[in-house]
Amino acid sequence: MSDSVTVHLSERDLRLVRNALRTYVNAFGHNEAEVVTEVRGLLDRLPETVSQVTADR
């Protein structure tokens, strides 16, 4: 990964992003295999909760 971007999310925003990405994977996974693989990788990198991020610091 060459470039990184920092995004500040509230707990609610993080839940929304994770749910939206999961919904995308479930709805379109069979048509866009390459994109689904990238989205799953992103989901793996996202923390489950904001408190996980602050605890890791």
Protein backbone atom coordinates (compact mmCIF):
# COMPACT_ATOMS: atom_id res chain seq x y z
CA MET A 1 0.00 0.00 0.00
CA SER A 2 1.68 3.20 -1.11
CA ASP A 3 -0.67 5.86 0.23
CA SER A 4 -2.59 6.03 3.46
CA VAL A 5 -5.47 8.20 4.58
CA THR A 6 -6.59 8.78 8.15
CA VAL A 7 -10.34 8.89 8.66
CA HIS A 8 -11.83 9.74 12.04
CA LEU A 9 -15.05 7.84 12.68
CA SER A 10 -17.40 7.76 15.62
CA GLU A 11 -18.52 4.39 16.93
CA ARG A 12 -21.79 4.82 15.03
CA ASP A 13 -19.99 5.76 11.80
CA LEU A 14 -17.68 2.76 12.07
CA ARG A 15 -20.65 0.42 12.54
CA LEU A 16 -22.32 1.97 9.51
CA VAL A 17 -19.22 1.56 7.33
CA ARG A 18 -18.70 -2.06 8.40
CA ASN A 19 -22.38 -2.91 7.83
CA ALA A 20 -22.40 -1.22 4.42
CA LEU A 21 -19.31 -3.11 3.32
CA ARG A 22 -20.70 -6.44 4.55
CA THR A 23 -23.99 -5.75 2.76
CA TYR A 24 -22.10 -4.97 -0.44
CA VAL A 25 -20.13 -8.22 -0.21
CA ASN A 26 -23.28 -10.25 0.46
CA ALA A 27 -25.34 -8.62 -2.29
CA PHE A 28 -22.78 -8.38 -5.07
CA GLY A 29 -20.15 -10.92 -4.14
CA HIS A 30 -20.97 -13.34 -6.92
CA ASN A 31 -20.56 -10.73 -9.67
CA GLU A 32 -17.46 -8.79 -8.66
CA ALA A 33 -14.97 -11.30 -7.25
CA GLU A 34 -11.95 -8.98 -7.42
CA VAL A 35 -13.76 -6.10 -5.71
CA VAL A 36 -15.16 -8.44 -3.07
CA THR A 37 -11.66 -9.67 -2.27
CA GLU A 38 -10.50 -6.07 -1.79
CA VAL A 39 -13.54 -5.19 0.35
CA ARG A 40 -12.97 -8.24 2.54
CA GLY A 41 -9.36 -7.15 2.99
CA LEU A 42 -10.56 -3.70 4.03
CA LEU A 43 -13.04 -5.22 6.48
CA ASP A 44 -10.21 -7.29 7.97
CA ARG A 45 -8.20 -4.11 8.58
CA LEU A 46 -11.05 -2.11 10.11
CA PRO A 47 -11.41 -2.41 13.87
CA GLU A 48 -14.65 -3.82 15.22
CA THR A 49 -15.04 -0.85 17.56
CA VAL A 50 -13.49 2.56 18.09
CA SER A 51 -12.40 1.44 21.57
CA GLN A 52 -10.16 -1.20 19.95
CA VAL A 53 -8.22 1.56 18.23
CA THR A 54 -7.75 3.60 21.39
CA ALA A 55 -6.75 0.50 23.37
CA ASP A 56 -4.06 -0.35 20.80
CA ARG A 57 -2.37 3.08 21.11
